[in-house]
Amino acid sequence: MKRKLIKKETIILLGIILFLSFHGLIILNYPPMKDNSMFLYMGEGIINGDVPYRDNFDMKPPGIFFIYAFVAKVFGYTIKGVYFFDLLWALITILAIWKLTKYLFGSRVGLIAGFLYGFLYFTYGNVWYYGQAEAFSNLPIVLGIYFFFLAQDKGKKAFFFFSGLFLGIAFLIKFPLILGIMFLLLFVFLKKSRIIKTKEKTIYFFMFIFGFFVLFIPVMVYFIFHNALSKMIYTLFVYTPQYARTMNIAYTGFLQKINFSLGKSFEFFFIYTGPLAVFSLFGIFGFFTNNFMNKEIGDGFHIKQNRKLFLCGWYMLCCLNVAIQGKFFDYHWVPVYVPLSIISSLGIIYFLKNFKKHKRLFVVISFCTFIFSIIFFLRVNRFYKDSINYLQGKITRRLYLSRLGRFPSKYDFSPHTNEVLATYIKQNTQVEDFIYIWGAHPEIYVLSNRRSASKFLMAHQLYCSWAPSKWREDFLRELNKKIPRLFIVTKGDLFPEVSGVLKDSRQQLKEFRKLNSFLADNYFLVKEIDMFSVYKRKGGEN
């Protein structure tokens, strides 16, 4: 009987993975976006000897750059390689969620949770969050939590080490969330227990901490060896916290910030996640009504209530992580998907078991679920209709790309314009030539297969109020040394949530007098391509 159940579970799991694999293939058609292009550019740089923060600048933790170095080495310097790797990573994450949830709450809940995560991840359809650090951090977080639970039950030091190791990897990819999860884990672990003795706990604790920090040693050695440790520390602990304050510039009033935050939260929970948000309420409701507060024999995570408490804490931490970052970008919500999917799966099970018991309440909530589901699937239908029509040749690539980003907009993003500009660059430069884009368009470096004349790939990294003035002098030295064949200026990229100023790149160029003089003395305007003004080096040759 047990063998039949295992076989049935395996068949269902394989069916889920197969369905979600085909479901996720559609992301391979997406154009490069700003963030994943930045990471890919820096990953390729690592392969060729560049060092993050020293030779190419971004404010993310170093883990994401090393992941992209692996992607560029194995899958090539192409955006399709990024999306294919993202697809594989997401499928492995689904398996990890199934394994963790099965261990905590049983096979049925695990299968539902894995499916919900994968379906939501690939169906959300927002191209901005594929290949982001948030998505890559989910897998090591889930594995770290799974090994921690397993270690508590089995009492094996190695499992505590692996738990710390995976959470350390997640920390190197994305900082904010991990420390809160570690606090939740250690809070339950350090509670008085009749099962694990104090001496054993001390050993297990240090094994966990050792696992967490073990990868920090080679990372630190790498940056020390390349004389870039101080640059990394400054970027992560001085520059980045200043960037986090840009919402104070974009939204000056307290009520304005509250309205913005509530609006973004409503949009995520009721428009983008729809039925899952409602079923998660069922799950939480079930926690507190299904003998949740009764004591059980056992300690730590052996008690189902403690597991549910941890799950609720994890869910709240993920939402708090979005709020702390303040910008509510779509991809910031991706870590929420994991606990949301697990709690929603518990809610579905609870709903099916207790419908008659809470019939009136469930009818009202079911109606809300129905309404939100319509909104959710109408959005899905529109997304799939565009994508399928493009794949079938019913709409042109230009029209398809226009659905993914238009100009003018505050995001100054147009995939079609990017491809036109990249084609122009390839036709008018050689592979060994440098170019520079004064704006925020690392995707064009990837599309054109040209390298930047400066480590500052985004202009706001220089003109934001918290950037050291010395960086501008370094920037000018780089331009005079590498002399870009083409210098491209962006207009209309007004985005104070990121730049911290209420002026676009063209306006900032005029205020950067030395750079403006450098451009006027050495370049002439040759072409206007949508939001881009293309300047060519005088004399035709570098």
Protein backbone atom coordinates (compact mmCIF):
# COMPACT_ATOMS: atom_id res chain seq x y z
CA MET A 1 0.00 0.00 0.00
CA LYS A 2 2.80 2.38 0.97
CA ARG A 3 4.64 1.59 -2.27
CA LYS A 4 1.51 2.40 -4.28
CA LEU A 5 1.16 5.76 -2.52
CA ILE A 6 4.82 6.60 -3.22
CA LYS A 7 4.38 5.64 -6.87
CA LYS A 8 1.21 7.75 -7.15
CA GLU A 9 2.97 10.71 -5.52
CA THR A 10 5.93 10.34 -7.90
CA ILE A 11 3.64 10.28 -10.95
CA ILE A 12 1.77 13.38 -9.76
CA LEU A 13 5.04 15.19 -9.00
CA LEU A 14 6.48 14.36 -12.42
CA GLY A 15 3.23 15.56 -13.99
CA ILE A 16 3.48 18.85 -12.11
CA ILE A 17 7.12 19.35 -13.14
CA LEU A 18 6.35 18.50 -16.76
CA PHE A 19 3.36 20.85 -16.89
CA LEU A 20 5.26 23.71 -15.26
CA SER A 21 8.28 23.11 -17.53
CA PHE A 22 6.15 23.70 -20.62
CA HIS A 23 4.33 26.47 -18.81
CA GLY A 24 7.63 28.23 -18.08
CA LEU A 25 9.19 27.85 -21.54
CA ILE A 26 7.44 31.02 -22.60
CA ILE A 27 9.96 33.14 -20.67
CA LEU A 28 12.65 32.17 -23.20
CA ASN A 29 11.05 34.68 -25.61
CA TYR A 30 11.52 37.62 -23.28
CA PRO A 31 13.95 40.41 -24.18
CA PRO A 32 16.79 41.36 -21.81
CA MET A 33 15.79 43.63 -18.95
CA LYS A 34 17.89 46.14 -17.04
CA ASP A 35 18.79 44.10 -13.97
CA ASN A 36 19.44 40.68 -15.50
CA SER A 37 21.51 42.39 -18.21
CA MET A 38 23.58 44.15 -15.56
CA PHE A 39 24.23 40.84 -13.79
CA LEU A 40 25.05 39.03 -17.02
CA TYR A 41 27.44 41.80 -18.08
CA MET A 42 29.23 41.58 -14.73
CA GLY A 43 29.25 37.76 -14.81
CA GLU A 44 30.91 37.83 -18.23
CA GLY A 45 33.36 40.36 -16.81
CA ILE A 46 34.33 37.98 -14.00
CA ILE A 47 35.11 35.26 -16.57
CA ASN A 48 37.42 37.73 -18.37
CA GLY A 49 39.19 38.89 -15.22
CA ASP A 50 37.04 41.81 -14.06
CA VAL A 51 36.26 42.15 -10.36
CA PRO A 52 32.83 43.33 -9.12
CA TYR A 53 32.79 46.78 -7.47
CA ARG A 54 36.29 47.49 -8.83
CA ASP A 55 35.92 47.03 -12.60
CA ASN A 56 32.10 46.92 -12.89
CA PHE A 57 29.84 48.58 -10.38
CA ASP A 58 26.51 47.51 -8.92
CA MET A 59 25.20 47.54 -5.37
CA LYS A 60 23.97 43.92 -5.11
CA PRO A 61 25.79 41.40 -2.88
CA PRO A 62 28.53 39.41 -4.70
CA GLY A 63 26.67 36.07 -4.85
CA ILE A 64 24.45 37.11 -7.75
CA PHE A 65 27.48 38.08 -9.87
CA PHE A 66 29.15 34.70 -9.34
CA ILE A 67 25.91 32.94 -10.29
CA TYR A 68 25.84 34.91 -13.52
CA ALA A 69 29.49 34.13 -14.17
CA PHE A 70 28.46 30.47 -14.06
CA VAL A 71 25.52 31.19 -16.38
CA ALA A 72 27.71 33.04 -18.88
CA LYS A 73 30.34 30.25 -18.80
CA VAL A 74 27.90 27.34 -19.18
CA PHE A 75 24.99 28.82 -21.16
CA GLY A 76 26.79 31.59 -23.03
CA TYR A 77 26.63 35.37 -23.02
CA THR A 78 23.00 35.45 -24.14
CA ILE A 79 19.77 36.43 -22.44
CA LYS A 80 18.15 33.15 -23.51
CA GLY A 81 20.81 31.38 -21.45
CA VAL A 82 19.78 33.48 -18.44
CA TYR A 83 16.10 32.64 -18.85
CA PHE A 84 16.82 28.94 -19.42
CA PHE A 85 18.91 28.82 -16.25
CA ASP A 86 16.15 30.68 -14.41
CA LEU A 87 13.66 28.05 -15.62
CA LEU A 88 15.85 25.19 -14.35
CA TRP A 89 16.45 26.96 -11.03
CA ALA A 90 12.72 27.53 -10.55
CA LEU A 91 11.93 23.85 -11.24
CA ILE A 92 14.51 22.75 -8.65
CA THR A 93 12.99 25.29 -6.23
CA ILE A 94 9.58 23.69 -6.79
CA LEU A 95 11.03 20.29 -5.86
CA ALA A 96 12.63 21.78 -2.74
CA ILE A 97 9.32 23.38 -1.69
CA TRP A 98 7.56 20.04 -2.20
CA LYS A 99 10.19 18.27 -0.07
CA LEU A 100 10.07 20.83 2.74
CA THR A 101 6.28 21.05 2.85
CA LYS A 102 5.89 17.27 2.67
CA TYR A 103 8.24 16.93 5.63
CA LEU A 104 6.30 19.50 7.66
CA PHE A 105 2.69 18.85 6.73
CA GLY A 106 2.41 15.77 4.52
CA SER A 107 2.50 14.71 0.87
CA ARG A 108 -0.74 16.29 -0.38
CA VAL A 109 0.14 19.70 1.03
CA GLY A 110 3.65 19.41 -0.46
CA LEU A 111 2.38 18.65 -3.95
CA ILE A 112 -0.12 21.51 -3.86
CA ALA A 113 2.48 23.97 -2.50
CA GLY A 114 5.02 23.07 -5.19
CA PHE A 115 2.43 23.46 -7.93
CA LEU A 116 1.14 26.78 -6.59
CA TYR A 117 4.65 28.26 -6.40
CA GLY A 118 5.53 27.20 -9.94
CA PHE A 119 2.22 28.25 -11.42
CA LEU A 120 2.36 31.67 -9.76
CA TYR A 121 6.02 32.19 -10.65
CA PHE A 122 5.56 31.49 -14.36
CA THR A 123 2.03 32.88 -14.71
CA TYR A 124 2.56 36.24 -13.07
CA GLY A 125 4.03 37.21 -16.42
CA ASN A 126 6.01 40.25 -15.34
CA VAL A 127 9.24 40.10 -17.31
CA TRP A 128 11.05 42.33 -14.82
CA TYR A 129 11.62 39.70 -12.16
CA TYR A 130 13.09 36.74 -14.09
CA GLY A 131 16.77 36.31 -13.33
CA GLN A 132 16.56 38.49 -10.22
CA ALA A 133 18.45 37.89 -6.99
CA GLU A 134 15.15 37.44 -5.12
CA ALA A 135 14.18 34.42 -7.23
CA PHE A 136 17.63 32.83 -6.94
CA SER A 137 17.63 33.25 -3.16
CA ASN A 138 14.43 31.19 -2.72
CA LEU A 139 16.09 27.83 -3.37
CA PRO A 140 18.90 28.08 -0.77
CA ILE A 141 16.42 29.53 1.76
CA VAL A 142 14.07 26.55 1.35
CA LEU A 143 16.96 24.07 1.53
CA GLY A 144 18.40 25.82 4.58
CA ILE A 145 15.09 25.60 6.43
CA TYR A 146 14.56 21.98 5.35
CA PHE A 147 17.96 20.85 6.65
CA PHE A 148 17.38 22.72 9.89
CA PHE A 149 14.13 20.85 10.50
CA LEU A 150 15.78 17.58 9.52
CA ALA A 151 18.72 18.26 11.83
CA GLN A 152 16.40 18.83 14.78
CA ASP A 153 14.73 15.46 14.25
CA LYS A 154 17.81 13.44 13.31
CA GLY A 155 20.28 15.19 15.61
CA LYS A 156 23.02 15.13 12.96
CA LYS A 157 25.69 17.83 13.01
CA ALA A 158 26.14 17.66 9.24
CA PHE A 159 22.52 18.71 8.68
CA PHE A 160 22.99 21.81 10.85
CA PHE A 161 26.10 22.61 8.83
CA PHE A 162 24.20 22.27 5.54
CA SER A 163 21.38 24.40 6.91
CA GLY A 164 23.81 27.19 7.73
CA LEU A 165 25.61 26.71 4.40
CA PHE A 166 22.48 27.16 2.30
CA LEU A 167 21.30 30.16 4.30
CA GLY A 168 24.79 31.64 3.92
CA ILE A 169 24.51 31.23 0.15
CA ALA A 170 21.12 32.97 0.22
CA PHE A 171 22.66 35.79 2.27
CA LEU A 172 25.41 36.28 -0.32
CA ILE A 173 22.70 36.58 -2.99
CA LYS A 174 20.27 38.86 -1.14
CA PHE A 175 20.87 40.36 2.30
CA PRO A 176 17.69 41.59 4.04
CA LEU A 177 15.53 38.49 4.54
CA ILE A 178 18.01 35.90 5.80
CA LEU A 179 18.85 37.31 9.21
CA GLY A 180 15.18 37.32 10.18
CA ILE A 181 14.77 33.68 9.12
CA MET A 182 17.87 32.72 11.12
CA PHE A 183 16.41 34.47 14.16
CA LEU A 184 13.17 32.49 13.83
CA LEU A 185 15.03 29.21 13.47
CA LEU A 186 17.37 29.82 16.38
CA PHE A 187 14.55 31.11 18.60
CA VAL A 188 12.80 27.74 18.45
CA PHE A 189 16.07 25.83 18.53
CA LEU A 190 17.30 27.55 21.69
CA LYS A 191 14.05 27.00 23.57
CA LYS A 192 14.26 24.68 26.55
CA SER A 193 13.99 21.10 25.30
CA ARG A 194 13.69 17.66 26.85
CA ILE A 195 14.94 16.01 23.66
CA ILE A 196 18.21 17.82 22.90
CA LYS A 197 20.64 18.46 25.75
CA THR A 198 22.29 21.84 26.30
CA LYS A 199 25.78 20.55 25.41
CA GLU A 200 24.52 19.08 22.13
CA LYS A 201 22.69 22.31 21.36
CA THR A 202 25.93 24.26 21.74
CA ILE A 203 27.70 21.98 19.26
CA TYR A 204 24.79 22.10 16.81
CA PHE A 205 24.61 25.89 17.10
CA PHE A 206 28.29 26.32 16.21
CA MET A 207 27.97 23.85 13.33
CA PHE A 208 25.09 25.95 11.98
CA ILE A 209 27.04 29.22 12.36
CA PHE A 210 30.15 27.64 10.83
CA GLY A 211 28.12 26.51 7.82
CA PHE A 212 26.67 30.00 7.43
CA PHE A 213 30.06 31.72 7.36
CA VAL A 214 32.19 29.08 5.62
CA LEU A 215 31.69 30.55 2.13
CA PHE A 216 32.47 34.04 3.36
CA ILE A 217 36.14 33.05 3.64
CA PRO A 218 36.78 32.37 -0.09
CA VAL A 219 34.68 35.42 -1.01
CA MET A 220 36.72 37.66 1.29
CA VAL A 221 39.99 36.15 0.05
CA TYR A 222 38.88 36.76 -3.55
CA PHE A 223 38.25 40.47 -2.94
CA ILE A 224 41.34 40.91 -0.77
CA PHE A 225 43.51 39.25 -3.43
CA HIS A 226 42.08 41.57 -6.10
CA ASN A 227 42.38 44.66 -3.88
CA ALA A 228 38.63 45.27 -3.92
CA LEU A 229 37.50 44.43 -0.38
CA SER A 230 37.18 48.07 0.72
CA LYS A 231 35.15 48.86 -2.40
CA MET A 232 32.78 45.96 -1.70
CA ILE A 233 32.34 46.99 1.95
CA TYR A 234 31.69 50.62 1.03
CA THR A 235 29.18 49.65 -1.64
CA LEU A 236 27.20 47.22 0.51
CA PHE A 237 27.24 49.04 3.84
CA VAL A 238 27.46 52.74 2.93
CA TYR A 239 26.25 53.33 -0.64
CA THR A 240 23.35 50.84 -0.66
CA PRO A 241 21.68 52.00 2.59
CA GLN A 242 21.68 55.52 1.13
CA TYR A 243 19.98 54.20 -2.00
CA ALA A 244 17.26 52.69 0.20
CA ARG A 245 16.25 56.23 1.21
CA THR A 246 15.31 57.36 -2.29
CA MET A 247 11.62 56.84 -1.50
CA ASN A 248 11.93 59.86 0.80
CA ILE A 249 12.65 61.90 -2.33
CA ALA A 250 10.01 60.32 -4.55
CA TYR A 251 7.27 60.47 -1.88
CA THR A 252 7.75 63.35 0.52
CA GLY A 253 4.62 63.08 2.65
CA PHE A 254 3.88 60.39 5.23
CA LEU A 255 0.34 59.84 3.92
CA GLN A 256 1.68 59.67 0.37
CA LYS A 257 4.05 56.85 1.37
CA ILE A 258 1.27 55.00 3.21
CA ASN A 259 -1.08 55.26 0.24
CA PHE A 260 1.64 54.11 -2.12
CA SER A 261 2.50 51.12 0.10
CA LEU A 262 -1.12 50.07 0.62
CA GLY A 263 -1.86 50.42 -3.08
CA LYS A 264 1.11 48.26 -4.07
CA SER A 265 0.21 45.65 -1.45
CA PHE A 266 -3.41 45.50 -2.63
CA GLU A 267 -2.22 45.17 -6.22
CA PHE A 268 0.02 42.23 -5.34
CA PHE A 269 -2.34 40.27 -3.11
CA PHE A 270 -5.64 40.76 -4.92
CA ILE A 271 -4.75 41.38 -8.55
CA TYR A 272 -1.55 39.42 -9.08
CA THR A 273 -1.94 36.52 -6.65
CA GLY A 274 -5.75 36.54 -6.50
CA PRO A 275 -7.01 33.18 -5.23
CA LEU A 276 -3.77 32.34 -3.41
CA ALA A 277 -4.12 35.39 -1.19
CA VAL A 278 -7.61 34.28 -0.19
CA PHE A 279 -6.64 30.66 0.39
CA SER A 280 -3.74 31.84 2.56
CA LEU A 281 -6.37 33.43 4.80
CA PHE A 282 -8.04 30.02 5.01
CA GLY A 283 -4.70 28.54 6.01
CA ILE A 284 -4.08 31.10 8.76
CA PHE A 285 -7.69 30.79 9.92
CA GLY A 286 -7.20 27.04 10.12
CA PHE A 287 -4.04 27.46 12.22
CA PHE A 288 -5.99 29.24 14.96
CA THR A 289 -9.16 27.17 14.92
CA ASN A 290 -7.95 23.62 14.45
CA ASN A 291 -6.75 23.00 18.03
CA PHE A 292 -3.85 25.31 17.27
CA MET A 293 -3.24 26.42 20.82
CA ASN A 294 -3.41 22.96 22.40
CA LYS A 295 -0.16 21.58 23.77
CA GLU A 296 1.37 18.50 22.18
CA ILE A 297 3.98 16.03 23.40
CA GLY A 298 7.41 16.91 22.00
CA ASP A 299 9.67 19.89 21.60
CA GLY A 300 10.88 22.36 18.99
CA PHE A 301 9.78 21.65 15.47
CA HIS A 302 8.44 18.25 16.50
CA ILE A 303 5.32 20.20 17.49
CA LYS A 304 3.05 21.03 14.55
CA GLN A 305 2.03 24.30 16.18
CA ASN A 306 5.66 25.47 16.24
CA ARG A 307 5.99 24.62 12.57
CA LYS A 308 2.87 26.65 11.80
CA LEU A 309 4.10 29.52 13.96
CA PHE A 310 7.38 29.50 12.07
CA LEU A 311 5.50 29.48 8.76
CA CYS A 312 3.42 32.49 9.83
CA GLY A 313 6.59 34.26 10.98
CA TRP A 314 8.30 33.47 7.67
CA TYR A 315 5.31 34.86 5.75
CA MET A 316 5.34 38.07 7.80
CA LEU A 317 9.11 38.43 7.41
CA CYS A 318 8.84 38.21 3.63
CA CYS A 319 6.15 40.90 3.55
CA LEU A 320 8.16 43.04 5.97
CA ASN A 321 11.20 42.62 3.71
CA VAL A 322 9.25 44.19 0.84
CA ALA A 323 8.09 47.04 3.06
CA ILE A 324 11.61 47.74 4.35
CA GLN A 325 12.95 48.09 0.81
CA GLY A 326 10.19 50.64 0.30
CA LYS A 327 10.00 50.57 -3.48
CA PHE A 328 7.56 47.66 -3.90
CA PHE A 329 9.07 46.60 -7.22
CA ASP A 330 7.31 43.52 -8.59
CA TYR A 331 10.30 41.22 -8.15
CA HIS A 332 10.64 42.23 -4.48
CA TRP A 333 7.54 40.10 -3.84
CA VAL A 334 9.07 36.87 -5.19
CA PRO A 335 10.33 35.64 -1.76
CA VAL A 336 6.72 35.97 -0.52
CA TYR A 337 5.68 33.30 -3.03
CA VAL A 338 7.17 30.44 -0.97
CA PRO A 339 5.37 30.84 2.37
CA LEU A 340 2.30 32.14 0.51
CA SER A 341 2.16 28.92 -1.54
CA ILE A 342 2.64 26.68 1.52
CA ILE A 343 0.03 28.49 3.62
CA SER A 344 -2.37 28.55 0.64
CA SER A 345 -1.98 24.80 0.19
CA LEU A 346 -2.85 24.31 3.86
CA GLY A 347 -5.81 26.65 3.33
CA ILE A 348 -7.07 24.59 0.39
CA ILE A 349 -6.90 21.40 2.45
CA TYR A 350 -8.62 23.09 5.39
CA PHE A 351 -11.30 24.53 3.08
CA LEU A 352 -12.11 21.13 1.58
CA LYS A 353 -12.29 19.45 4.98
CA ASN A 354 -14.30 22.11 6.81
CA PHE A 355 -16.62 23.66 4.23
CA LYS A 356 -19.81 22.48 5.98
CA LYS A 357 -18.53 23.55 9.40
CA HIS A 358 -18.06 27.22 8.38
CA LYS A 359 -20.47 27.28 5.47
CA ARG A 360 -21.66 30.91 5.67
CA LEU A 361 -18.18 32.33 6.18
CA PHE A 362 -16.79 30.16 3.42
CA VAL A 363 -19.52 31.22 0.98
CA VAL A 364 -18.60 34.88 1.47
CA ILE A 365 -14.85 34.19 1.13
CA SER A 366 -15.45 31.89 -1.85
CA PHE A 367 -17.28 34.73 -3.60
CA CYS A 368 -14.28 37.01 -3.01
CA THR A 369 -12.01 34.26 -4.31
CA PHE A 370 -14.13 33.97 -7.43
CA ILE A 371 -13.92 37.72 -8.14
CA PHE A 372 -10.16 37.87 -7.58
CA SER A 373 -9.68 34.74 -9.69
CA ILE A 374 -11.49 36.36 -12.62
CA ILE A 375 -9.20 39.38 -12.41
CA PHE A 376 -6.15 37.12 -12.10
CA PHE A 377 -7.02 34.86 -15.03
CA LEU A 378 -8.12 37.72 -17.28
CA ARG A 379 -4.62 39.09 -16.84
CA VAL A 380 -3.16 35.65 -17.51
CA ASN A 381 -5.29 35.29 -20.64
CA ARG A 382 -4.08 38.62 -22.03
CA PHE A 383 -0.47 37.69 -21.34
CA TYR A 384 -0.77 34.28 -23.00
CA LYS A 385 -2.76 35.60 -25.93
CA ASP A 386 0.04 38.03 -26.83
CA SER A 387 2.78 35.44 -26.33
CA ILE A 388 1.04 32.65 -28.25
CA ASN A 389 0.06 34.98 -31.09
CA TYR A 390 3.69 36.03 -31.40
CA LEU A 391 4.94 32.43 -31.41
CA GLN A 392 2.35 31.56 -34.07
CA GLY A 393 3.42 34.52 -36.21
CA LYS A 394 0.10 36.35 -35.84
CA ILE A 395 1.71 39.52 -34.49
CA THR A 396 5.06 41.05 -35.32
CA ARG A 397 8.00 41.06 -32.94
CA ARG A 398 7.78 44.85 -32.76
CA LEU A 399 4.16 44.70 -31.60
CA TYR A 400 4.93 41.90 -29.16
CA LEU A 401 7.84 43.81 -27.64
CA SER A 402 5.71 46.94 -27.38
CA ARG A 403 3.46 45.04 -24.94
CA LEU A 404 6.45 44.44 -22.65
CA GLY A 405 7.57 48.05 -22.40
CA ARG A 406 6.90 51.36 -24.12
CA PHE A 407 8.42 54.80 -24.38
CA PRO A 408 7.73 57.44 -23.27
CA SER A 409 7.30 56.17 -19.73
CA LYS A 410 9.05 56.84 -16.47
CA TYR A 411 10.95 53.59 -16.95
CA ASP A 412 12.36 54.79 -20.32
CA PHE A 413 12.17 51.16 -21.47
CA SER A 414 11.35 49.97 -24.98
CA PRO A 415 12.64 46.49 -25.99
CA HIS A 416 12.10 47.25 -29.68
CA THR A 417 14.09 50.51 -29.48
CA ASN A 418 16.85 48.66 -27.62
CA GLU A 419 17.15 46.15 -30.47
CA VAL A 420 17.20 48.93 -33.09
CA LEU A 421 19.93 50.76 -31.18
CA ALA A 422 21.95 47.57 -30.63
CA THR A 423 21.81 46.82 -34.35
CA TYR A 424 23.03 50.34 -35.13
CA ILE A 425 25.90 49.96 -32.64
CA LYS A 426 27.01 46.64 -34.15
CA GLN A 427 26.94 48.14 -37.65
CA ASN A 428 29.00 51.18 -36.67
CA THR A 429 31.57 49.73 -34.26
CA GLN A 430 33.95 46.81 -33.98
CA VAL A 431 33.75 44.15 -31.26
CA GLU A 432 36.85 45.56 -29.56
CA ASP A 433 35.43 49.11 -29.48
CA PHE A 434 34.11 50.63 -26.26
CA ILE A 435 30.82 52.49 -26.06
CA TYR A 436 29.11 54.36 -23.26
CA ILE A 437 25.43 54.89 -22.50
CA TRP A 438 24.65 57.84 -20.22
CA GLY A 439 21.45 56.50 -18.70
CA ALA A 440 20.40 53.14 -17.30
CA HIS A 441 20.52 50.60 -20.12
CA PRO A 442 22.92 47.70 -19.47
CA GLU A 443 20.69 45.57 -21.70
CA ILE A 444 22.10 47.40 -24.74
CA TYR A 445 25.64 46.34 -23.85
CA VAL A 446 24.42 42.74 -23.88
CA LEU A 447 22.41 43.08 -27.09
CA SER A 448 25.24 44.79 -28.97
CA ASN A 449 28.01 42.64 -27.42
CA ARG A 450 30.04 45.76 -26.66
CA ARG A 451 31.77 46.68 -23.40
CA SER A 452 31.30 49.88 -21.46
CA ALA A 453 34.08 52.45 -21.32
CA SER A 454 33.37 52.85 -17.61
CA LYS A 455 32.63 50.61 -14.65
CA PHE A 456 29.58 52.79 -13.92
CA LEU A 457 27.00 51.15 -16.17
CA MET A 458 24.14 53.33 -14.96
CA ALA A 459 24.44 57.12 -14.90
CA HIS A 460 22.45 57.60 -11.69
CA GLN A 461 25.25 55.76 -9.86
CA LEU A 462 27.27 58.93 -10.48
CA TYR A 463 24.79 61.76 -10.16
CA CYS A 464 22.81 60.54 -7.14
CA SER A 465 23.35 62.80 -4.13
CA TRP A 466 25.07 60.09 -2.03
CA ALA A 467 27.71 59.14 -4.63
CA PRO A 468 31.25 60.35 -3.71
CA SER A 469 32.43 63.24 -5.87
CA LYS A 470 35.65 61.29 -6.48
CA TRP A 471 33.66 58.82 -8.58
CA ARG A 472 33.06 61.49 -11.22
CA GLU A 473 36.76 62.14 -11.54
CA ASP A 474 37.38 58.38 -11.84
CA PHE A 475 34.66 58.21 -14.47
CA LEU A 476 36.24 60.96 -16.60
CA ARG A 477 39.64 59.25 -16.38
CA GLU A 478 38.08 56.02 -17.62
CA LEU A 479 36.49 57.79 -20.60
CA ASN A 480 39.77 59.46 -21.55
CA LYS A 481 41.59 56.15 -21.26
CA LYS A 482 39.18 53.88 -23.15
CA ILE A 483 37.62 56.59 -25.37
CA PRO A 484 34.21 55.21 -26.41
CA ARG A 485 33.52 55.12 -30.16
CA LEU A 486 29.88 56.01 -29.50
CA PHE A 487 28.51 58.04 -26.59
CA ILE A 488 24.74 57.61 -26.15
CA VAL A 489 22.59 59.93 -24.04
CA THR A 490 19.17 58.95 -22.68
CA LYS A 491 16.26 61.29 -22.21
CA GLY A 492 13.00 60.87 -20.32
CA ASP A 493 14.39 58.48 -17.70
CA LEU A 494 12.90 60.33 -14.77
CA PHE A 495 12.81 57.75 -11.98
CA PRO A 496 13.43 59.36 -8.56
CA GLU A 497 12.70 56.09 -6.70
CA VAL A 498 16.03 54.86 -8.06
CA SER A 499 18.10 57.92 -8.92
CA GLY A 500 17.12 60.05 -5.95
CA VAL A 501 16.73 63.15 -8.17
CA LEU A 502 13.87 64.72 -10.11
CA LYS A 503 15.84 65.15 -13.36
CA ASP A 504 16.49 62.81 -16.26
CA SER A 505 19.93 61.83 -17.55
CA ARG A 506 20.03 64.51 -20.23
CA GLN A 507 19.40 67.22 -17.66
CA GLN A 508 22.01 65.71 -15.37
CA LEU A 509 24.55 65.70 -18.20
CA LYS A 510 24.20 69.46 -18.60
CA GLU A 511 24.91 69.91 -14.88
CA PHE A 512 27.98 67.64 -15.08
CA ARG A 513 30.02 70.36 -16.77
CA LYS A 514 33.25 68.47 -17.30
CA LEU A 515 31.43 65.57 -18.94
CA ASN A 516 29.32 67.94 -21.04
CA SER A 517 32.50 69.66 -22.24
CA PHE A 518 34.13 66.28 -22.96
CA LEU A 519 31.15 65.33 -25.11
CA ALA A 520 31.03 68.70 -26.94
CA ASP A 521 34.80 68.69 -27.64
CA ASN A 522 35.11 65.11 -28.83
CA TYR A 523 31.76 64.00 -30.28
CA PHE A 524 29.06 65.06 -32.72
CA LEU A 525 25.40 64.01 -32.90
CA VAL A 526 24.77 61.45 -35.66
CA LYS A 527 21.37 59.95 -34.91
CA GLU A 528 18.26 60.16 -32.74
CA ILE A 529 16.68 56.79 -31.96
CA ASP A 530 13.56 57.25 -29.85
CA MET A 531 14.82 58.14 -26.35
CA PHE A 532 18.48 57.87 -27.34
CA SER A 533 20.77 60.53 -28.80
CA VAL A 534 23.76 58.86 -30.46
CA TYR A 535 27.05 60.77 -30.58
CA LYS A 536 30.08 59.62 -32.60
CA ARG A 537 33.74 60.26 -31.91
CA LYS A 538 35.09 63.10 -34.06
CA GLY A 539 37.54 62.01 -36.73
CA GLY A 540 35.77 58.67 -37.21
CA GLU A 541 38.51 56.70 -35.43
CA ASN A 542 39.30 56.30 -31.74
